Amino acid sequence: MRVHLGGPAGADHATRRPAQVHHAWPVAPDGALELGDRYTREPRRVLVEWFVRAADDVDPAAGPPVGAVAEVAVEAHVVTAGGGVERVAITLPVAVVPGKAGEAPAIVREALLQQAARAREGALAGRDRGDCEGGSTALAQAALVCEAAPPLDADAAAEVAREAADLWTLAAAFGAGAVSAADAKYLGQMAYASARGEQRGKERLRRGGA
């Protein structure tokens, strides 16, 4: 599965490329994100950020940037009902909805999970430098951010709560300087799974340990 990101041609309020892709998917030479296969049927998560003009930074005659400001094109090879394989591509518009304030719970959840992944990566790098205390601080700060999340739906809230609990456990281990090789392996695997949006992989790691 491949994902192309960009803005609709001629839209002066959107760039042709996003400001940031938060997940760490491999990038092909043509700029597409390579999401791998879907044999496991696990959903693939891609958190993308675009900058658009604020309402007070637009031409009054033109009005705010309502409507499509970006496009996400997804292409994949799928198995047909007859058993063959064919390439399928769909294009999804990303739009500004007037009067729709705040972020969707799924977006908030994924942003928090990506912050946690970066904290894990930073803590692991700190351990390699001998700075477990710095790693503990980074993990604890990420846990606090998760705990301070705005109201979410039940599933997202439960997922973020599990993330915070895991971060606190790791922060305590780092603070005590008791980070074993198994802990470091678990930390790296969890960071990788989060960066790839592999939630089922994270749950397997939590159940099975490092």
C-alpha atoms as a PDB file:
ATOM      1  CA  MET A   1       0.000   0.000   0.000  1.00  0.00           C
ATOM      2  CA  ARG A   2       1.289   3.462  -0.968  1.00  0.00           C
ATOM      3  CA  VAL A   3       0.050   6.913   0.049  1.00  0.00           C
ATOM      4  CA  HIS A   4       0.702  10.139  -1.858  1.00  0.00           C
ATOM      5  CA  LEU A   5       0.227  13.435  -0.004  1.00  0.00           C
ATOM      6  CA  GLY A   6      -0.291  16.861  -1.504  1.00  0.00           C
ATOM      7  CA  GLY A   7      -2.560  19.826  -2.020  1.00  0.00           C
ATOM      8  CA  PRO A   8      -5.061  20.440  -4.807  1.00  0.00           C
ATOM      9  CA  ALA A   9      -3.553  22.233  -7.770  1.00  0.00           C
ATOM     10  CA  GLY A  10      -4.057  25.994  -7.753  1.00  0.00           C
ATOM     11  CA  ALA A  11      -4.966  26.232  -4.071  1.00  0.00           C
ATOM     12  CA  ASP A  12      -2.932  29.134  -2.704  1.00  0.00           C
ATOM     13  CA  HIS A  13      -3.786  28.254   0.895  1.00  0.00           C
ATOM     14  CA  ALA A  14      -2.216  24.783   0.770  1.00  0.00           C
ATOM     15  CA  THR A  15       1.241  23.563  -0.076  1.00  0.00           C
ATOM     16  CA  ARG A  16       1.779  20.712  -2.479  1.00  0.00           C
ATOM     17  CA  ARG A  17       3.417  18.754   0.341  1.00  0.00           C
ATOM     18  CA  PRO A  18       2.415  18.473   4.010  1.00  0.00           C
ATOM     19  CA  ALA A  19       4.216  20.376   6.742  1.00  0.00           C
ATOM     20  CA  GLN A  20       4.908  17.192   8.682  1.00  0.00           C
ATOM     21  CA  VAL A  21       4.240  13.456   8.565  1.00  0.00           C
ATOM     22  CA  HIS A  22       4.260  12.230  12.158  1.00  0.00           C
ATOM     23  CA  HIS A  23       4.535   8.504  11.464  1.00  0.00           C
ATOM     24  CA  ALA A  24       7.876   7.097  10.339  1.00  0.00           C
ATOM     25  CA  TRP A  25       6.847   5.216   7.203  1.00  0.00           C
ATOM     26  CA  PRO A  26       9.485   4.582   4.514  1.00  0.00           C
ATOM     27  CA  VAL A  27       9.395   7.146   1.717  1.00  0.00           C
ATOM     28  CA  ALA A  28       9.694   6.091  -1.938  1.00  0.00           C
ATOM     29  CA  PRO A  29      11.746   8.115  -4.473  1.00  0.00           C
ATOM     30  CA  ASP A  30       8.516   9.703  -5.771  1.00  0.00           C
ATOM     31  CA  GLY A  31       7.654  10.899  -2.253  1.00  0.00           C
ATOM     32  CA  ALA A  32       4.946   8.305  -1.572  1.00  0.00           C
ATOM     33  CA  LEU A  33       4.714   6.684   1.857  1.00  0.00           C
ATOM     34  CA  GLU A  34       5.232   2.921   1.738  1.00  0.00           C
ATOM     35  CA  LEU A  35       2.784   1.332   4.193  1.00  0.00           C
ATOM     36  CA  GLY A  36       3.545  -2.279   3.378  1.00  0.00           C
ATOM     37  CA  ASP A  37       1.011  -5.066   2.876  1.00  0.00           C
ATOM     38  CA  ARG A  38      -2.270  -5.618   4.690  1.00  0.00           C
ATOM     39  CA  TYR A  39      -2.211  -9.390   4.998  1.00  0.00           C
ATOM     40  CA  THR A  40      -2.703  -9.042   8.752  1.00  0.00           C
ATOM     41  CA  ARG A  41      -5.709  -6.755   8.128  1.00  0.00           C
ATOM     42  CA  GLU A  42      -4.328  -4.330  10.703  1.00  0.00           C
ATOM     43  CA  PRO A  43      -5.319  -0.727   9.936  1.00  0.00           C
ATOM     44  CA  ARG A  44      -2.470   1.544   8.898  1.00  0.00           C
ATOM     45  CA  ARG A  45      -2.338   4.921  10.638  1.00  0.00           C
ATOM     46  CA  VAL A  46      -0.881   8.020   8.997  1.00  0.00           C
ATOM     47  CA  LEU A  47      -0.962  11.332  10.888  1.00  0.00           C
ATOM     48  CA  VAL A  48      -0.263  14.249   8.570  1.00  0.00           C
ATOM     49  CA  GLU A  49      -0.140  17.975   9.296  1.00  0.00           C
ATOM     50  CA  TRP A  50      -0.788  20.759   6.800  1.00  0.00           C
ATOM     51  CA  PHE A  51      -0.615  24.491   7.421  1.00  0.00           C
ATOM     52  CA  VAL A  52      -3.508  26.619   6.157  1.00  0.00           C
ATOM     53  CA  ARG A  53      -4.092  30.320   6.532  1.00  0.00           C
ATOM     54  CA  ALA A  54      -5.832  31.469   9.677  1.00  0.00           C
ATOM     55  CA  ALA A  55      -9.179  33.241   9.326  1.00  0.00           C
ATOM     56  CA  ASP A  56      -7.549  36.587  10.140  1.00  0.00           C
ATOM     57  CA  ASP A  57      -4.852  36.108   7.485  1.00  0.00           C
ATOM     58  CA  VAL A  58      -6.961  35.883   4.360  1.00  0.00           C
ATOM     59  CA  ASP A  59      -8.169  38.240   1.700  1.00  0.00           C
ATOM     60  CA  PRO A  60     -11.606  39.399   2.885  1.00  0.00           C
ATOM     61  CA  ALA A  61     -12.816  39.269  -0.696  1.00  0.00           C
ATOM     62  CA  ALA A  62     -11.700  35.662  -1.058  1.00  0.00           C
ATOM     63  CA  GLY A  63     -12.940  34.482   2.325  1.00  0.00           C
ATOM     64  CA  PRO A  64     -11.405  31.781   4.526  1.00  0.00           C
ATOM     65  CA  PRO A  65      -9.910  28.602   3.026  1.00  0.00           C
ATOM     66  CA  VAL A  66     -13.127  26.590   3.077  1.00  0.00           C
ATOM     67  CA  GLY A  67     -13.244  23.278   1.239  1.00  0.00           C
ATOM     68  CA  ALA A  68     -10.488  20.944   0.132  1.00  0.00           C
ATOM     69  CA  VAL A  69      -7.023  22.106   1.183  1.00  0.00           C
ATOM     70  CA  ALA A  70      -5.131  18.871   0.529  1.00  0.00           C
ATOM     71  CA  GLU A  71      -5.438  15.435  -1.011  1.00  0.00           C
ATOM     72  CA  VAL A  72      -4.474  11.961   0.130  1.00  0.00           C
ATOM     73  CA  ALA A  73      -4.144   9.436  -2.698  1.00  0.00           C
ATOM     74  CA  VAL A  74      -4.028   5.758  -1.681  1.00  0.00           C
ATOM     75  CA  GLU A  75      -3.009   3.003  -4.077  1.00  0.00           C
ATOM     76  CA  ALA A  76      -2.756  -0.719  -3.484  1.00  0.00           C
ATOM     77  CA  HIS A  77      -2.922  -4.077  -5.200  1.00  0.00           C
ATOM     78  CA  VAL A  78      -6.028  -5.968  -4.133  1.00  0.00           C
ATOM     79  CA  VAL A  79      -7.365  -9.467  -4.667  1.00  0.00           C
ATOM     80  CA  THR A  80     -10.517  -9.473  -6.771  1.00  0.00           C
ATOM     81  CA  ALA A  81     -13.575 -11.668  -6.264  1.00  0.00           C
ATOM     82  CA  GLY A  82     -12.333 -13.857  -9.121  1.00  0.00           C
ATOM     83  CA  GLY A  83      -8.990 -14.448  -7.438  1.00  0.00           C
ATOM     84  CA  GLY A  84      -6.977 -12.062  -9.605  1.00  0.00           C
ATOM     85  CA  VAL A  85      -4.923  -9.071  -8.511  1.00  0.00           C
ATOM     86  CA  GLU A  86      -5.464  -5.522  -9.683  1.00  0.00           C
ATOM     87  CA  ARG A  87      -4.208  -2.075  -8.771  1.00  0.00           C
ATOM     88  CA  VAL A  88      -6.788   0.204  -7.156  1.00  0.00           C
ATOM     89  CA  ALA A  89      -6.321   3.916  -6.407  1.00  0.00           C
ATOM     90  CA  ILE A  90      -8.584   6.313  -4.531  1.00  0.00           C
ATOM     91  CA  THR A  91      -8.203  10.013  -3.740  1.00  0.00           C
ATOM     92  CA  LEU A  92      -9.477  11.461  -0.481  1.00  0.00           C
ATOM     93  CA  PRO A  93      -9.901  15.224  -0.025  1.00  0.00           C
ATOM     94  CA  VAL A  94      -8.837  16.926   3.208  1.00  0.00           C
ATOM     95  CA  ALA A  95     -11.239  19.782   3.873  1.00  0.00           C
ATOM     96  CA  VAL A  96     -11.776  22.680   6.249  1.00  0.00           C
ATOM     97  CA  VAL A  97     -15.250  22.482   7.756  1.00  0.00           C
ATOM     98  CA  PRO A  98     -16.630  25.930   8.719  1.00  0.00           C
ATOM     99  CA  GLY A  99     -17.694  26.181  12.335  1.00  0.00           C
ATOM    100  CA  LYS A 100     -16.126  22.844  13.271  1.00  0.00           C
ATOM    101  CA  ALA A 101     -13.899  23.637  16.240  1.00  0.00           C
ATOM    102  CA  GLY A 102     -11.370  21.322  17.883  1.00  0.00           C
ATOM    103  CA  GLU A 103      -9.739  18.119  16.730  1.00  0.00           C
ATOM    104  CA  ALA A 104     -11.311  14.697  16.311  1.00  0.00           C
ATOM    105  CA  PRO A 105     -10.534  12.273  19.175  1.00  0.00           C
ATOM    106  CA  ALA A 106      -8.699   9.955  16.775  1.00  0.00           C
ATOM    107  CA  ILE A 107      -6.343  12.790  15.788  1.00  0.00           C
ATOM    108  CA  VAL A 108      -5.705  13.803  19.400  1.00  0.00           C
ATOM    109  CA  ARG A 109      -5.059  10.175  20.329  1.00  0.00           C
ATOM    110  CA  GLU A 110      -2.615   9.620  17.488  1.00  0.00           C
ATOM    111  CA  ALA A 111      -0.744  12.866  18.205  1.00  0.00           C
ATOM    112  CA  LEU A 112      -0.294  11.771  21.828  1.00  0.00           C
ATOM    113  CA  LEU A 113       0.904   8.322  20.794  1.00  0.00           C
ATOM    114  CA  GLN A 114       3.474   9.880  18.469  1.00  0.00           C
ATOM    115  CA  GLN A 115       4.728  12.141  21.260  1.00  0.00           C
ATOM    116  CA  ALA A 116       5.095   9.054  23.440  1.00  0.00           C
ATOM    117  CA  ALA A 117       7.005   7.272  20.670  1.00  0.00           C
ATOM    118  CA  ARG A 118       9.455  10.173  20.384  1.00  0.00           C
ATOM    119  CA  ALA A 119       9.922  10.153  24.179  1.00  0.00           C
ATOM    120  CA  ARG A 120      10.733   6.436  24.079  1.00  0.00           C
ATOM    121  CA  GLU A 121      13.220   6.955  21.258  1.00  0.00           C
ATOM    122  CA  GLY A 122      14.838   9.841  23.152  1.00  0.00           C
ATOM    123  CA  ALA A 123      15.040   7.834  26.362  1.00  0.00           C
ATOM    124  CA  LEU A 124      16.649   4.927  24.554  1.00  0.00           C
ATOM    125  CA  ALA A 125      19.217   7.239  22.976  1.00  0.00           C
ATOM    126  CA  GLY A 126      19.882   8.769  26.410  1.00  0.00           C
ATOM    127  CA  ARG A 127      20.461   5.322  27.905  1.00  0.00           C
ATOM    128  CA  ASP A 128      23.036   4.617  25.210  1.00  0.00           C
ATOM    129  CA  ARG A 129      24.815   7.840  26.281  1.00  0.00           C
ATOM    130  CA  GLY A 130      24.569   6.913  29.949  1.00  0.00           C
ATOM    131  CA  ASP A 131      21.881   9.537  30.659  1.00  0.00           C
ATOM    132  CA  CYS A 132      19.103   7.500  32.257  1.00  0.00           C
ATOM    133  CA  GLU A 133      17.953  10.481  34.327  1.00  0.00           C
ATOM    134  CA  GLY A 134      17.265  12.493  31.192  1.00  0.00           C
ATOM    135  CA  GLY A 135      15.372   9.554  29.763  1.00  0.00           C
ATOM    136  CA  SER A 136      13.270   9.322  32.902  1.00  0.00           C
ATOM    137  CA  THR A 137      12.374  13.008  32.644  1.00  0.00           C
ATOM    138  CA  ALA A 138      11.377  12.701  28.977  1.00  0.00           C
ATOM    139  CA  LEU A 139       9.202   9.657  29.654  1.00  0.00           C
ATOM    140  CA  ALA A 140       7.532  11.287  32.666  1.00  0.00           C
ATOM    141  CA  GLN A 141       6.792  14.449  30.683  1.00  0.00           C
ATOM    142  CA  ALA A 142       5.200  12.381  27.920  1.00  0.00           C
ATOM    143  CA  ALA A 143       3.095  10.551  30.523  1.00  0.00           C
ATOM    144  CA  LEU A 144       1.883  13.875  31.940  1.00  0.00           C
ATOM    145  CA  VAL A 145       0.916  15.062  28.458  1.00  0.00           C
ATOM    146  CA  CYS A 146      -1.120  11.881  27.950  1.00  0.00           C
ATOM    147  CA  GLU A 147      -2.838  12.330  31.313  1.00  0.00           C
ATOM    148  CA  ALA A 148      -3.710  15.935  30.439  1.00  0.00           C
ATOM    149  CA  ALA A 149      -5.441  14.920  27.191  1.00  0.00           C
ATOM    150  CA  PRO A 150      -8.775  16.582  26.413  1.00  0.00           C
ATOM    151  CA  PRO A 151     -11.964  14.486  26.681  1.00  0.00           C
ATOM    152  CA  LEU A 152     -11.822  11.510  24.308  1.00  0.00           C
ATOM    153  CA  ASP A 153     -14.169   8.689  23.388  1.00  0.00           C
ATOM    154  CA  ALA A 154     -13.946   5.548  25.493  1.00  0.00           C
ATOM    155  CA  ASP A 155     -11.606   3.581  23.202  1.00  0.00           C
ATOM    156  CA  ALA A 156      -9.190   6.474  22.643  1.00  0.00           C
ATOM    157  CA  ALA A 157      -9.188   7.380  26.344  1.00  0.00           C
ATOM    158  CA  ALA A 158      -8.394   3.769  27.302  1.00  0.00           C
ATOM    159  CA  GLU A 159      -5.567   3.601  24.771  1.00  0.00           C
ATOM    160  CA  VAL A 160      -4.017   6.860  25.977  1.00  0.00           C
ATOM    161  CA  ALA A 161      -4.373   5.747  29.612  1.00  0.00           C
ATOM    162  CA  ARG A 162      -2.480   2.518  28.842  1.00  0.00           C
ATOM    163  CA  GLU A 163       0.193   4.590  27.160  1.00  0.00           C
ATOM    164  CA  ALA A 164       0.563   6.861  30.192  1.00  0.00           C
ATOM    165  CA  ALA A 165       0.807   3.888  32.585  1.00  0.00           C
ATOM    166  CA  ASP A 166       3.495   2.286  30.430  1.00  0.00           C
ATOM    167  CA  LEU A 167       5.462   5.536  30.272  1.00  0.00           C
ATOM    168  CA  TRP A 168       5.339   5.961  34.060  1.00  0.00           C
ATOM    169  CA  THR A 169       6.625   2.411  34.554  1.00  0.00           C
ATOM    170  CA  LEU A 170       9.518   3.042  32.185  1.00  0.00           C
ATOM    171  CA  ALA A 171      10.237   6.455  33.738  1.00  0.00           C
ATOM    172  CA  ALA A 172      10.562   4.810  37.158  1.00  0.00           C
ATOM    173  CA  ALA A 173      12.973   2.214  35.790  1.00  0.00           C
ATOM    174  CA  PHE A 174      15.076   4.903  34.123  1.00  0.00           C
ATOM    175  CA  GLY A 175      15.014   7.058  37.247  1.00  0.00           C
ATOM    176  CA  ALA A 176      16.312   4.146  39.335  1.00  0.00           C
ATOM    177  CA  GLY A 177      18.988   3.379  36.753  1.00  0.00           C
ATOM    178  CA  ALA A 178      17.510  -0.112  36.490  1.00  0.00           C
ATOM    179  CA  VAL A 179      16.992  -0.367  32.747  1.00  0.00           C
ATOM    180  CA  SER A 180      17.778  -3.906  31.688  1.00  0.00           C
ATOM    181  CA  ALA A 181      18.576  -5.103  28.191  1.00  0.00           C
ATOM    182  CA  ALA A 182      15.025  -6.504  28.058  1.00  0.00           C
ATOM    183  CA  ASP A 183      13.627  -3.081  29.018  1.00  0.00           C
ATOM    184  CA  ALA A 184      15.664  -1.422  26.291  1.00  0.00           C
ATOM    185  CA  LYS A 185      14.476  -3.963  23.735  1.00  0.00           C
ATOM    186  CA  TYR A 186      10.856  -3.425  24.782  1.00  0.00           C
ATOM    187  CA  LEU A 187      11.320   0.335  24.597  1.00  0.00           C
ATOM    188  CA  GLY A 188      12.711   0.140  21.084  1.00  0.00           C
ATOM    189  CA  GLN A 189       9.996  -2.217  19.874  1.00  0.00           C
ATOM    190  CA  MET A 190       7.230  -0.036  21.323  1.00  0.00           C
ATOM    191  CA  ALA A 191       8.710   3.108  19.767  1.00  0.00           C
ATOM    192  CA  TYR A 192       8.952   1.383  16.391  1.00  0.00           C
ATOM    193  CA  ALA A 193       5.383   0.052  16.569  1.00  0.00           C
ATOM    194  CA  SER A 194       4.046   3.493  17.491  1.00  0.00           C
ATOM    195  CA  ALA A 195       6.003   5.219  14.745  1.00  0.00           C
ATOM    196  CA  ARG A 196       4.443   2.795  12.235  1.00  0.00           C
ATOM    197  CA  GLY A 197       0.959   3.065  13.741  1.00  0.00           C
ATOM    198  CA  GLU A 198       0.939  -0.657  14.547  1.00  0.00           C
ATOM    199  CA  GLN A 199      -1.445  -0.707  17.496  1.00  0.00           C
ATOM    200  CA  ARG A 200      -1.960  -4.469  17.508  1.00  0.00           C
ATOM    201  CA  GLY A 201       1.787  -4.924  17.609  1.00  0.00           C
ATOM    202  CA  LYS A 202       1.977  -2.668  20.669  1.00  0.00           C
ATOM    203  CA  GLU A 203      -0.751  -4.643  22.434  1.00  0.00           C
ATOM    204  CA  ARG A 204       1.086  -7.899  21.722  1.00  0.00           C
ATOM    205  CA  LEU A 205       4.233  -6.396  23.205  1.00  0.00           C
ATOM    206  CA  ARG A 206       2.346  -5.292  26.315  1.00  0.00           C
ATOM    207  CA  ARG A 207       0.889  -8.758  26.798  1.00  0.00           C
ATOM    208  CA  GLY A 208       4.061 -10.666  26.015  1.00  0.00           C
ATOM    209  CA  GLY A 209       6.753  -8.309  27.261  1.00  0.00           C
ATOM    210  CA  ALA A 210      10.062  -7.816  25.498  1.00  0.00           C
END
